[in-house]
Amino acid sequence: MRDRVTKLFVGAAIAEACSWLGLLVGMAVKYGPPGNELGVKIFGPIHGGLFVVYLLLVLLVARRHRWSLLATGVALACAVPPFATLVYERWARRRGMLGVTEAVAPPQPATVR
């Protein structure tokens, strides 16, 4: 079972990626033909806040799960490119870095006839 901080980290990774999407759409509208800045004004601060929350949670989870300096640095860097937090979260989960590994069905014994 994951602890609360790890669950918050996963949620922050997802929320940060979603805010990236909102910000990218807002930028497309701003620089497109309509020229409306409302999307950037809304999603800019939301994304900035979630960016900071994600960074703080990376540091907490890294300490709690004893990540290497390299793994922590990569997690922090993944906040910059769009959607990279999702990729990192899945990668870390698959390697058991979040305290839980993905459930894999045990191999079935071969039947002899």
PDB file of N, CA and C in Angstrom:
ATOM      1  N   MET A   1       0.839  -1.182   0.000  1.00  0.00           N
ATOM      2  CA  MET A   1       0.000   0.000   0.000  1.00  0.00           C
ATOM      3  C   MET A   1       0.885   1.248   0.000  1.00  0.00           C
ATOM      4  N   ARG A   2       0.534   2.188  -0.831  1.00  0.00           N
ATOM      5  CA  ARG A   2       1.307   3.419  -0.903  1.00  0.00           C
ATOM      6  C   ARG A   2       0.930   4.364   0.232  1.00  0.00           C
ATOM      7  N   ASP A   3       1.886   5.145   0.677  1.00  0.00           N
ATOM      8  CA  ASP A   3       1.599   6.125   1.713  1.00  0.00           C
ATOM      9  C   ASP A   3       0.996   7.384   1.084  1.00  0.00           C
ATOM     10  N   ARG A   4       0.552   8.279   1.917  1.00  0.00           N
ATOM     11  CA  ARG A   4      -0.148   9.481   1.453  1.00  0.00           C
ATOM     12  C   ARG A   4       0.743  10.373   0.580  1.00  0.00           C
ATOM     13  N   VAL A   5       1.998  10.553   0.955  1.00  0.00           N
ATOM     14  CA  VAL A   5       2.901  11.410   0.183  1.00  0.00           C
ATOM     15  C   VAL A   5       3.128  10.831  -1.208  1.00  0.00           C
ATOM     16  N   THR A   6       3.263   9.525  -1.304  1.00  0.00           N
ATOM     17  CA  THR A   6       3.458   8.887  -2.604  1.00  0.00           C
ATOM     18  C   THR A   6       2.214   9.036  -3.465  1.00  0.00           C
ATOM     19  N   LYS A   7       1.042   8.903  -2.867  1.00  0.00           N
ATOM     20  CA  LYS A   7      -0.204   9.112  -3.625  1.00  0.00           C
ATOM     21  C   LYS A   7      -0.306  10.551  -4.105  1.00  0.00           C
ATOM     22  N   LEU A   8       0.085  11.483  -3.262  1.00  0.00           N
ATOM     23  CA  LEU A   8       0.079  12.886  -3.668  1.00  0.00           C
ATOM     24  C   LEU A   8       1.055  13.130  -4.814  1.00  0.00           C
ATOM     25  N   PHE A   9       2.207  12.461  -4.767  1.00  0.00           N
ATOM     26  CA  PHE A   9       3.189  12.583  -5.853  1.00  0.00           C
ATOM     27  C   PHE A   9       2.590  12.109  -7.172  1.00  0.00           C
ATOM     28  N   VAL A  10       1.934  10.964  -7.150  1.00  0.00           N
ATOM     29  CA  VAL A  10       1.301  10.438  -8.367  1.00  0.00           C
ATOM     30  C   VAL A  10       0.235  11.409  -8.870  1.00  0.00           C
ATOM     31  N   GLY A  11      -0.590  11.911  -7.969  1.00  0.00           N
ATOM     32  CA  GLY A  11      -1.611  12.880  -8.351  1.00  0.00           C
ATOM     33  C   GLY A  11      -1.014  14.162  -8.901  1.00  0.00           C
ATOM     34  N   ALA A  12       0.075  14.615  -8.303  1.00  0.00           N
ATOM     35  CA  ALA A  12       0.737  15.835  -8.781  1.00  0.00           C
ATOM     36  C   ALA A  12       1.349  15.621 -10.161  1.00  0.00           C
ATOM     37  N   ALA A  13       1.898  14.434 -10.403  1.00  0.00           N
ATOM     38  CA  ALA A  13       2.461  14.148 -11.722  1.00  0.00           C
ATOM     39  C   ALA A  13       1.378  14.206 -12.794  1.00  0.00           C
ATOM     40  N   ILE A  14       0.225  13.644 -12.484  1.00  0.00           N
ATOM     41  CA  ILE A  14      -0.893  13.656 -13.432  1.00  0.00           C
ATOM     42  C   ILE A  14      -1.436  15.076 -13.595  1.00  0.00           C
ATOM     43  N   ALA A  15      -1.630  15.773 -12.495  1.00  0.00           N
ATOM     44  CA  ALA A  15      -2.172  17.133 -12.552  1.00  0.00           C
ATOM     45  C   ALA A  15      -1.224  18.083 -13.282  1.00  0.00           C
ATOM     46  N   GLU A  16       0.076  17.924 -13.072  1.00  0.00           N
ATOM     47  CA  GLU A  16       1.049  18.784 -13.740  1.00  0.00           C
ATOM     48  C   GLU A  16       1.000  18.564 -15.246  1.00  0.00           C
ATOM     49  N   ALA A  17       0.849  17.312 -15.668  1.00  0.00           N
ATOM     50  CA  ALA A  17       0.740  17.020 -17.105  1.00  0.00           C
ATOM     51  C   ALA A  17      -0.554  17.606 -17.681  1.00  0.00           C
ATOM     52  N   CYS A  18      -1.642  17.500 -16.944  1.00  0.00           N
ATOM     53  CA  CYS A  18      -2.919  18.076 -17.408  1.00  0.00           C
ATOM     54  C   CYS A  18      -2.830  19.594 -17.506  1.00  0.00           C
ATOM     55  N   SER A  19      -2.144  20.211 -16.550  1.00  0.00           N
ATOM     56  CA  SER A  19      -2.002  21.663 -16.610  1.00  0.00           C
ATOM     57  C   SER A  19      -1.129  22.072 -17.790  1.00  0.00           C
ATOM     58  N   TRP A  20      -0.153  21.227 -18.147  1.00  0.00           N
ATOM     59  CA  TRP A  20       0.643  21.475 -19.349  1.00  0.00           C
ATOM     60  C   TRP A  20      -0.262  21.495 -20.569  1.00  0.00           C
ATOM     61  N   LEU A  21      -1.165  20.527 -20.640  1.00  0.00           N
ATOM     62  CA  LEU A  21      -2.091  20.462 -21.771  1.00  0.00           C
ATOM     63  C   LEU A  21      -2.933  21.733 -21.843  1.00  0.00           C
ATOM     64  N   GLY A  22      -3.490  22.153 -20.709  1.00  0.00           N
ATOM     65  CA  GLY A  22      -4.276  23.374 -20.682  1.00  0.00           C
ATOM     66  C   GLY A  22      -3.472  24.593 -21.098  1.00  0.00           C
ATOM     67  N   LEU A  23      -2.231  24.667 -20.634  1.00  0.00           N
ATOM     68  CA  LEU A  23      -1.380  25.793 -20.980  1.00  0.00           C
ATOM     69  C   LEU A  23      -1.031  25.779 -22.469  1.00  0.00           C
ATOM     70  N   LEU A  24      -0.741  24.603 -23.014  1.00  0.00           N
ATOM     71  CA  LEU A  24      -0.424  24.512 -24.447  1.00  0.00           C
ATOM     72  C   LEU A  24      -1.620  24.904 -25.308  1.00  0.00           C
ATOM     73  N   VAL A  25      -2.818  24.478 -24.910  1.00  0.00           N
ATOM     74  CA  VAL A  25      -4.023  24.870 -25.641  1.00  0.00           C
ATOM     75  C   VAL A  25      -4.225  26.379 -25.524  1.00  0.00           C
ATOM     76  N   GLY A  26      -4.030  26.903 -24.324  1.00  0.00           N
ATOM     77  CA  GLY A  26      -4.159  28.345 -24.122  1.00  0.00           C
ATOM     78  C   GLY A  26      -3.170  29.131 -24.962  1.00  0.00           C
ATOM     79  N   MET A  27      -1.944  28.635 -25.087  1.00  0.00           N
ATOM     80  CA  MET A  27      -0.948  29.309 -25.922  1.00  0.00           C
ATOM     81  C   MET A  27      -1.307  29.220 -27.397  1.00  0.00           C
ATOM     82  N   ALA A  28      -1.862  28.085 -27.817  1.00  0.00           N
ATOM     83  CA  ALA A  28      -2.280  27.948 -29.210  1.00  0.00           C
ATOM     84  C   ALA A  28      -3.390  28.942 -29.543  1.00  0.00           C
ATOM     85  N   VAL A  29      -4.314  29.124 -28.611  1.00  0.00           N
ATOM     86  CA  VAL A  29      -5.408  30.081 -28.829  1.00  0.00           C
ATOM     87  C   VAL A  29      -4.867  31.514 -28.798  1.00  0.00           C
ATOM     88  N   LYS A  30      -3.947  31.767 -27.877  1.00  0.00           N
ATOM     89  CA  LYS A  30      -3.384  33.124 -27.756  1.00  0.00           C
ATOM     90  C   LYS A  30      -2.663  33.535 -29.037  1.00  0.00           C
ATOM     91  N   TYR A  31      -1.848  32.637 -29.585  1.00  0.00           N
ATOM     92  CA  TYR A  31      -1.045  32.987 -30.756  1.00  0.00           C
ATOM     93  C   TYR A  31      -1.721  32.615 -32.064  1.00  0.00           C
ATOM     94  N   GLY A  32      -2.914  32.034 -31.990  1.00  0.00           N
ATOM     95  CA  GLY A  32      -3.680  31.704 -33.192  1.00  0.00           C
ATOM     96  C   GLY A  32      -4.492  32.902 -33.649  1.00  0.00           C
ATOM     97  N   PRO A  33      -5.334  32.677 -34.624  1.00  0.00           N
ATOM     98  CA  PRO A  33      -6.133  33.772 -35.183  1.00  0.00           C
ATOM     99  C   PRO A  33      -7.006  34.527 -34.182  1.00  0.00           C
ATOM    100  N   PRO A  34      -7.663  33.853 -33.184  1.00  0.00           N
ATOM    101  CA  PRO A  34      -8.496  34.659 -32.285  1.00  0.00           C
ATOM    102  C   PRO A  34      -7.683  35.613 -31.412  1.00  0.00           C
ATOM    103  N   GLY A  35      -6.489  35.193 -30.996  1.00  0.00           N
ATOM    104  CA  GLY A  35      -5.642  36.036 -30.168  1.00  0.00           C
ATOM    105  C   GLY A  35      -6.179  36.267 -28.769  1.00  0.00           C
ATOM    106  N   ASN A  36      -6.862  35.291 -28.187  1.00  0.00           N
ATOM    107  CA  ASN A  36      -7.448  35.402 -26.857  1.00  0.00           C
ATOM    108  C   ASN A  36      -6.448  34.908 -25.813  1.00  0.00           C
ATOM    109  N   GLU A  37      -6.151  35.738 -24.815  1.00  0.00           N
ATOM    110  CA  GLU A  37      -5.164  35.391 -23.784  1.00  0.00           C
ATOM    111  C   GLU A  37      -5.778  34.736 -22.550  1.00  0.00           C
ATOM    112  N   LEU A  38      -7.069  34.511 -22.536  1.00  0.00           N
ATOM    113  CA  LEU A  38      -7.737  34.002 -21.345  1.00  0.00           C
ATOM    114  C   LEU A  38      -7.180  32.642 -20.897  1.00  0.00           C
ATOM    115  N   GLY A  39      -6.939  31.728 -21.846  1.00  0.00           N
ATOM    116  CA  GLY A  39      -6.419  30.404 -21.491  1.00  0.00           C
ATOM    117  C   GLY A  39      -5.073  30.476 -20.800  1.00  0.00           C
ATOM    118  N   VAL A  40      -4.196  31.354 -21.276  1.00  0.00           N
ATOM    119  CA  VAL A  40      -2.875  31.494 -20.666  1.00  0.00           C
ATOM    120  C   VAL A  40      -3.004  32.136 -19.288  1.00  0.00           C
ATOM    121  N   LYS A  41      -3.902  33.096 -19.152  1.00  0.00           N
ATOM    122  CA  LYS A  41      -4.091  33.756 -17.857  1.00  0.00           C
ATOM    123  C   LYS A  41      -4.650  32.794 -16.810  1.00  0.00           C
ATOM    124  N   ILE A  42      -5.434  31.829 -17.269  1.00  0.00           N
ATOM    125  CA  ILE A  42      -6.002  30.849 -16.331  1.00  0.00           C
ATOM    126  C   ILE A  42      -5.000  29.731 -16.051  1.00  0.00           C
ATOM    127  N   PHE A  43      -4.489  29.097 -17.120  1.00  0.00           N
ATOM    128  CA  PHE A  43      -3.644  27.916 -16.936  1.00  0.00           C
ATOM    129  C   PHE A  43      -2.200  28.237 -16.578  1.00  0.00           C
ATOM    130  N   GLY A  44      -1.736  29.443 -16.837  1.00  0.00           N
ATOM    131  CA  GLY A  44      -0.367  29.813 -16.467  1.00  0.00           C
ATOM    132  C   GLY A  44      -0.126  29.698 -14.969  1.00  0.00           C
ATOM    133  N   PRO A  45      -0.924  30.379 -14.147  1.00  0.00           N
ATOM    134  CA  PRO A  45      -0.725  30.271 -12.701  1.00  0.00           C
ATOM    135  C   PRO A  45      -1.016  28.868 -12.150  1.00  0.00           C
ATOM    136  N   ILE A  46      -2.009  28.197 -12.726  1.00  0.00           N
ATOM    137  CA  ILE A  46      -2.319  26.830 -12.277  1.00  0.00           C
ATOM    138  C   ILE A  46      -1.123  25.927 -12.535  1.00  0.00           C
ATOM    139  N   HIS A  47      -0.577  26.026 -13.740  1.00  0.00           N
ATOM    140  CA  HIS A  47       0.578  25.192 -14.079  1.00  0.00           C
ATOM    141  C   HIS A  47       1.780  25.546 -13.200  1.00  0.00           C
ATOM    142  N   GLY A  48       1.994  26.828 -12.972  1.00  0.00           N
ATOM    143  CA  GLY A  48       3.112  27.238 -12.118  1.00  0.00           C
ATOM    144  C   GLY A  48       2.998  26.670 -10.710  1.00  0.00           C
ATOM    145  N   GLY A  49       1.796  26.726 -10.155  1.00  0.00           N
ATOM    146  CA  GLY A  49       1.588  26.173  -8.814  1.00  0.00           C
ATOM    147  C   GLY A  49       1.797  24.668  -8.764  1.00  0.00           C
ATOM    148  N   LEU A  50       1.244  23.976  -9.760  1.00  0.00           N
ATOM    149  CA  LEU A  50       1.409  22.516  -9.800  1.00  0.00           C
ATOM    150  C   LEU A  50       2.857  22.117 -10.060  1.00  0.00           C
ATOM    151  N   PHE A  51       3.567  22.925 -10.814  1.00  0.00           N
ATOM    152  CA  PHE A  51       4.994  22.701 -11.064  1.00  0.00           C
ATOM    153  C   PHE A  51       5.750  22.709  -9.735  1.00  0.00           C
ATOM    154  N   VAL A  52       5.498  23.707  -8.912  1.00  0.00           N
ATOM    155  CA  VAL A  52       6.176  23.813  -7.615  1.00  0.00           C
ATOM    156  C   VAL A  52       5.765  22.670  -6.691  1.00  0.00           C
ATOM    157  N   VAL A  53       4.488  22.335  -6.665  1.00  0.00           N
ATOM    158  CA  VAL A  53       4.000  21.224  -5.833  1.00  0.00           C
ATOM    159  C   VAL A  53       4.677  19.919  -6.256  1.00  0.00           C
ATOM    160  N   TYR A  54       4.760  19.676  -7.568  1.00  0.00           N
ATOM    161  CA  TYR A  54       5.415  18.456  -8.065  1.00  0.00           C
ATOM    162  C   TYR A  54       6.876  18.416  -7.607  1.00  0.00           C
ATOM    163  N   LEU A  55       7.588  19.525  -7.743  1.00  0.00           N
ATOM    164  CA  LEU A  55       8.998  19.549  -7.335  1.00  0.00           C
ATOM    165  C   LEU A  55       9.159  19.233  -5.857  1.00  0.00           C
ATOM    166  N   LEU A  56       8.314  19.820  -5.029  1.00  0.00           N
ATOM    167  CA  LEU A  56       8.391  19.560  -3.587  1.00  0.00           C
ATOM    168  C   LEU A  56       8.078  18.101  -3.264  1.00  0.00           C
ATOM    169  N   LEU A  57       7.064  17.550  -3.937  1.00  0.00           N
ATOM    170  CA  LEU A  57       6.712  16.152  -3.688  1.00  0.00           C
ATOM    171  C   LEU A  57       7.786  15.198  -4.191  1.00  0.00           C
ATOM    172  N   VAL A  58       8.480  15.556  -5.275  1.00  0.00           N
ATOM    173  CA  VAL A  58       9.609  14.727  -5.723  1.00  0.00           C
ATOM    174  C   VAL A  58      10.636  14.634  -4.608  1.00  0.00           C
ATOM    175  N   LEU A  59      10.954  15.763  -4.004  1.00  0.00           N
ATOM    176  CA  LEU A  59      11.958  15.760  -2.937  1.00  0.00           C
ATOM    177  C   LEU A  59      11.504  14.934  -1.736  1.00  0.00           C
ATOM    178  N   LEU A  60      10.229  15.039  -1.367  1.00  0.00           N
ATOM    179  CA  LEU A  60       9.715  14.253  -0.245  1.00  0.00           C
ATOM    180  C   LEU A  60       9.708  12.755  -0.546  1.00  0.00           C
ATOM    181  N   VAL A  61       9.215  12.391  -1.728  1.00  0.00           N
ATOM    182  CA  VAL A  61       9.145  10.970  -2.094  1.00  0.00           C
ATOM    183  C   VAL A  61      10.545  10.396  -2.276  1.00  0.00           C
ATOM    184  N   ALA A  62      11.437  11.175  -2.865  1.00  0.00           N
ATOM    185  CA  ALA A  62      12.811  10.706  -3.055  1.00  0.00           C
ATOM    186  C   ALA A  62      13.470  10.403  -1.714  1.00  0.00           C
ATOM    187  N   ARG A  63      13.225  11.245  -0.749  1.00  0.00           N
ATOM    188  CA  ARG A  63      13.798  11.001   0.576  1.00  0.00           C
ATOM    189  C   ARG A  63      13.151   9.796   1.247  1.00  0.00           C
ATOM    190  N   ARG A  64      11.822   9.723   1.139  1.00  0.00           N
ATOM    191  CA  ARG A  64      11.089   8.633   1.789  1.00  0.00           C
ATOM    192  C   ARG A  64      11.471   7.268   1.204  1.00  0.00           C
ATOM    193  N   HIS A  65      11.619   7.208  -0.122  1.00  0.00           N
ATOM    194  CA  HIS A  65      11.911   5.936  -0.787  1.00  0.00           C
ATOM    195  C   HIS A  65      13.397   5.761  -1.112  1.00  0.00           C
ATOM    196  N   ARG A  66      14.208   6.690  -0.641  1.00  0.00           N
ATOM    197  CA  ARG A  66      15.669   6.610  -0.785  1.00  0.00           C
ATOM    198  C   ARG A  66      16.109   6.477  -2.238  1.00  0.00           C
ATOM    199  N   TRP A  67      15.608   7.394  -3.061  1.00  0.00           N
ATOM    200  CA  TRP A  67      16.021   7.407  -4.462  1.00  0.00           C
ATOM    201  C   TRP A  67      17.467   7.878  -4.553  1.00  0.00           C
ATOM    202  N   SER A  68      18.125   7.461  -5.621  1.00  0.00           N
ATOM    203  CA  SER A  68      19.475   7.941  -5.871  1.00  0.00           C
ATOM    204  C   SER A  68      19.410   9.406  -6.290  1.00  0.00           C
ATOM    205  N   LEU A  69      20.548  10.059  -6.243  1.00  0.00           N
ATOM    206  CA  LEU A  69      20.626  11.453  -6.667  1.00  0.00           C
ATOM    207  C   LEU A  69      20.268  11.583  -8.146  1.00  0.00           C
ATOM    208  N   LEU A  70      20.691  10.631  -8.943  1.00  0.00           N
ATOM    209  CA  LEU A  70      20.380  10.649 -10.378  1.00  0.00           C
ATOM    210  C   LEU A  70      18.877  10.510 -10.615  1.00  0.00           C
ATOM    211  N   ALA A  71      18.237   9.562  -9.941  1.00  0.00           N
ATOM    212  CA  ALA A  71      16.790   9.361 -10.102  1.00  0.00           C
ATOM    213  C   ALA A  71      16.021  10.598  -9.652  1.00  0.00           C
ATOM    214  N   THR A  72      16.466  11.225  -8.585  1.00  0.00           N
ATOM    215  CA  THR A  72      15.816  12.443  -8.101  1.00  0.00           C
ATOM    216  C   THR A  72      15.996  13.577  -9.093  1.00  0.00           C
ATOM    217  N   GLY A  73      17.198  13.726  -9.622  1.00  0.00           N
ATOM    218  CA  GLY A  73      17.465  14.775 -10.603  1.00  0.00           C
ATOM    219  C   GLY A  73      16.644  14.606 -11.868  1.00  0.00           C
ATOM    220  N   VAL A  74      16.519  13.367 -12.318  1.00  0.00           N
ATOM    221  CA  VAL A  74      15.712  13.111 -13.513  1.00  0.00           C
ATOM    222  C   VAL A  74      14.245  13.424 -13.234  1.00  0.00           C
ATOM    223  N   ALA A  75      13.757  13.048 -12.055  1.00  0.00           N
ATOM    224  CA  ALA A  75      12.367  13.346 -11.692  1.00  0.00           C
ATOM    225  C   ALA A  75      12.129  14.849 -11.668  1.00  0.00           C
ATOM    226  N   LEU A  76      13.071  15.599 -11.132  1.00  0.00           N
ATOM    227  CA  LEU A  76      12.942  17.050 -11.108  1.00  0.00           C
ATOM    228  C   LEU A  76      12.976  17.627 -12.523  1.00  0.00           C
ATOM    229  N   ALA A  77      13.859  17.122 -13.357  1.00  0.00           N
ATOM    230  CA  ALA A  77      13.972  17.606 -14.739  1.00  0.00           C
ATOM    231  C   ALA A  77      12.728  17.274 -15.554  1.00  0.00           C
ATOM    232  N   CYS A  78      12.042  16.214 -15.194  1.00  0.00           N
ATOM    233  CA  CYS A  78      10.838  15.808 -15.934  1.00  0.00           C
ATOM    234  C   CYS A  78       9.680  16.784 -15.756  1.00  0.00           C
ATOM    235  N   ALA A  79       9.803  17.724 -14.846  1.00  0.00           N
ATOM    236  CA  ALA A  79       8.758  18.742 -14.689  1.00  0.00           C
ATOM    237  C   ALA A  79       8.801  19.762 -15.818  1.00  0.00           C
ATOM    238  N   VAL A  80       9.901  19.830 -16.549  1.00  0.00           N
ATOM    239  CA  VAL A  80      10.066  20.863 -17.574  1.00  0.00           C
ATOM    240  C   VAL A  80       9.420  20.485 -18.909  1.00  0.00           C
ATOM    241  N   PRO A  81       9.739  19.326 -19.513  1.00  0.00           N
ATOM    242  CA  PRO A  81       9.089  18.997 -20.793  1.00  0.00           C
ATOM    243  C   PRO A  81       7.628  18.598 -20.577  1.00  0.00           C
ATOM    244  N   PRO A  82       6.768  18.951 -21.506  1.00  0.00           N
ATOM    245  CA  PRO A  82       5.355  18.575 -21.356  1.00  0.00           C
ATOM    246  C   PRO A  82       5.170  17.063 -21.246  1.00  0.00           C
ATOM    247  N   PHE A  83       4.364  16.643 -20.296  1.00  0.00           N
ATOM    248  CA  PHE A  83       3.930  15.257 -20.091  1.00  0.00           C
ATOM    249  C   PHE A  83       5.022  14.305 -19.608  1.00  0.00           C
ATOM    250  N   ALA A  84       6.214  14.795 -19.359  1.00  0.00           N
ATOM    251  CA  ALA A  84       7.299  13.916 -18.906  1.00  0.00           C
ATOM    252  C   ALA A  84       7.063  13.405 -17.488  1.00  0.00           C
ATOM    253  N   THR A  85       6.280  14.121 -16.692  1.00  0.00           N
ATOM    254  CA  THR A  85       6.000  13.650 -15.332  1.00  0.00           C
ATOM    255  C   THR A  85       5.212  12.341 -15.359  1.00  0.00           C
ATOM    256  N   LEU A  86       4.342  12.193 -16.358  1.00  0.00           N
ATOM    257  CA  LEU A  86       3.594  10.934 -16.495  1.00  0.00           C
ATOM    258  C   LEU A  86       4.527   9.783 -16.824  1.00  0.00           C
ATOM    259  N   VAL A  87       5.443  10.024 -17.729  1.00  0.00           N
ATOM    260  CA  VAL A  87       6.403   8.990 -18.138  1.00  0.00           C
ATOM    261  C   VAL A  87       7.266   8.583 -16.941  1.00  0.00           C
ATOM    262  N   TYR A  88       7.745   9.571 -16.191  1.00  0.00           N
ATOM    263  CA  TYR A  88       8.596   9.258 -15.044  1.00  0.00           C
ATOM    264  C   TYR A  88       7.833   8.496 -13.966  1.00  0.00           C
ATOM    265  N   GLU A  89       6.619   8.923 -13.701  1.00  0.00           N
ATOM    266  CA  GLU A  89       5.820   8.253 -12.665  1.00  0.00           C
ATOM    267  C   GLU A  89       5.605   6.792 -13.020  1.00  0.00           C
ATOM    268  N   ARG A  90       5.271   6.513 -14.266  1.00  0.00           N
ATOM    269  CA  ARG A  90       5.080   5.109 -14.682  1.00  0.00           C
ATOM    270  C   ARG A  90       6.388   4.327 -14.597  1.00  0.00           C
ATOM    271  N   TRP A  91       7.475   4.956 -15.021  1.00  0.00           N
ATOM    272  CA  TRP A  91       8.782   4.297 -14.984  1.00  0.00           C
ATOM    273  C   TRP A  91       9.149   3.966 -13.535  1.00  0.00           C
ATOM    274  N   ALA A  92       8.961   4.935 -12.641  1.00  0.00           N
ATOM    275  CA  ALA A  92       9.297   4.718 -11.229  1.00  0.00           C
ATOM    276  C   ALA A  92       8.404   3.647 -10.611  1.00  0.00           C
ATOM    277  N   ARG A  93       7.127   3.631 -10.969  1.00  0.00           N
ATOM    278  CA  ARG A  93       6.214   2.629 -10.426  1.00  0.00           C
ATOM    279  C   ARG A  93       6.620   1.229 -10.880  1.00  0.00           C
ATOM    280  N   ARG A  94       6.964   1.091 -12.143  1.00  0.00           N
ATOM    281  CA  ARG A  94       7.353  -0.237 -12.669  1.00  0.00           C
ATOM    282  C   ARG A  94       8.605  -0.778 -12.003  1.00  0.00           C
ATOM    283  N   ARG A  95       9.470   0.102 -11.550  1.00  0.00           N
ATOM    284  CA  ARG A  95      10.715  -0.327 -10.913  1.00  0.00           C
ATOM    285  C   ARG A  95      10.610  -0.422  -9.396  1.00  0.00           C
ATOM    286  N   GLY A  96       9.413  -0.227  -8.867  1.00  0.00           N
ATOM    287  CA  GLY A  96       9.214  -0.338  -7.435  1.00  0.00           C
ATOM    288  C   GLY A  96       9.740   0.840  -6.648  1.00  0.00           C
ATOM    289  N   MET A  97      10.010   1.953  -7.309  1.00  0.00           N
ATOM    290  CA  MET A  97      10.554   3.127  -6.633  1.00  0.00           C
ATOM    291  C   MET A  97       9.501   3.888  -5.838  1.00  0.00           C
ATOM    292  N   LEU A  98       8.236   3.529  -6.024  1.00  0.00           N
ATOM    293  CA  LEU A  98       7.155   4.184  -5.287  1.00  0.00           C
ATOM    294  C   LEU A  98       6.593   3.275  -4.204  1.00  0.00           C
ATOM    295  N   GLY A  99       7.298   2.191  -3.925  1.00  0.00           N
ATOM    296  CA  GLY A  99       6.880   1.292  -2.867  1.00  0.00           C
ATOM    297  C   GLY A  99       5.961   0.181  -3.333  1.00  0.00           C
ATOM    298  N   VAL A 100       5.524   0.240  -4.570  1.00  0.00           N
ATOM    299  CA  VAL A 100       4.605  -0.766  -5.108  1.00  0.00           C
ATOM    300  C   VAL A 100       5.037  -1.083  -6.522  1.00  0.00           C
ATOM    301  N   THR A 101       5.059  -2.340  -6.854  1.00  0.00           N
ATOM    302  CA  THR A 101       5.305  -2.722  -8.239  1.00  0.00           C
ATOM    303  C   THR A 101       3.981  -3.100  -8.869  1.00  0.00           C
ATOM    304  N   GLU A 102       3.905  -2.988 -10.176  1.00  0.00           N
ATOM    305  CA  GLU A 102       2.672  -3.348 -10.868  1.00  0.00           C
ATOM    306  C   GLU A 102       2.427  -4.845 -10.702  1.00  0.00           C
ATOM    307  N   ALA A 103       1.172  -5.185 -10.550  1.00  0.00           N
ATOM    308  CA  ALA A 103       0.806  -6.582 -10.385  1.00  0.00           C
ATOM    309  C   ALA A 103       1.033  -7.330 -11.687  1.00  0.00           C
ATOM    310  N   VAL A 104       1.753  -8.400 -11.595  1.00  0.00           N
ATOM    311  CA  VAL A 104       2.009  -9.253 -12.748  1.00  0.00           C
ATOM    312  C   VAL A 104       1.448 -10.630 -12.402  1.00  0.00           C
ATOM    313  N   ALA A 105       0.679 -11.180 -13.319  1.00  0.00           N
ATOM    314  CA  ALA A 105       0.087 -12.495 -13.076  1.00  0.00           C
ATOM    315  C   ALA A 105       1.202 -13.527 -12.939  1.00  0.00           C
ATOM    316  N   PRO A 106       1.108 -14.398 -11.926  1.00  0.00           N
ATOM    317  CA  PRO A 106       2.134 -15.423 -11.769  1.00  0.00           C
ATOM    318  C   PRO A 106       2.083 -16.395 -12.944  1.00  0.00           C
ATOM    319  N   PRO A 107       3.218 -16.971 -13.303  1.00  0.00           N
ATOM    320  CA  PRO A 107       3.201 -17.914 -14.408  1.00  0.00           C
ATOM    321  C   PRO A 107       2.373 -19.149 -14.060  1.00  0.00           C
ATOM    322  N   GLN A 108       1.634 -19.617 -15.020  1.00  0.00           N
ATOM    323  CA  GLN A 108       0.796 -20.800 -14.822  1.00  0.00           C
ATOM    324  C   GLN A 108       1.619 -22.056 -15.108  1.00  0.00           C
ATOM    325  N   PRO A 109       1.453 -23.084 -14.286  1.00  0.00           N
ATOM    326  CA  PRO A 109       2.211 -24.314 -14.530  1.00  0.00           C
ATOM    327  C   PRO A 109       1.719 -24.985 -15.816  1.00  0.00           C
ATOM    328  N   ALA A 110       2.629 -25.607 -16.492  1.00  0.00           N
ATOM    329  CA  ALA A 110       2.271 -26.308 -17.724  1.00  0.00           C
ATOM    330  C   ALA A 110       1.509 -27.580 -17.370  1.00  0.00           C
ATOM    331  N   THR A 111       0.523 -27.865 -18.137  1.00  0.00           N
ATOM    332  CA  THR A 111      -0.247 -29.092 -17.908  1.00  0.00           C
ATOM    333  C   THR A 111       0.322 -30.190 -18.797  1.00  0.00           C
ATOM    334  N   VAL A 112       0.447 -31.377 -18.224  1.00  0.00           N
ATOM    335  CA  VAL A 112       0.959 -32.522 -18.954  1.00  0.00           C
ATOM    336  C   VAL A 112      -0.190 -33.448 -19.240  1.00  0.00           C
ATOM    337  N   ARG A 113      -0.323 -33.868 -20.485  1.00  0.00           N
ATOM    338  CA  ARG A 113      -1.399 -34.778 -20.858  1.00  0.00           C
ATOM    339  C   ARG A 113      -0.881 -36.142 -21.126  1.00  0.00           C
TER     340      ARG A 113
END
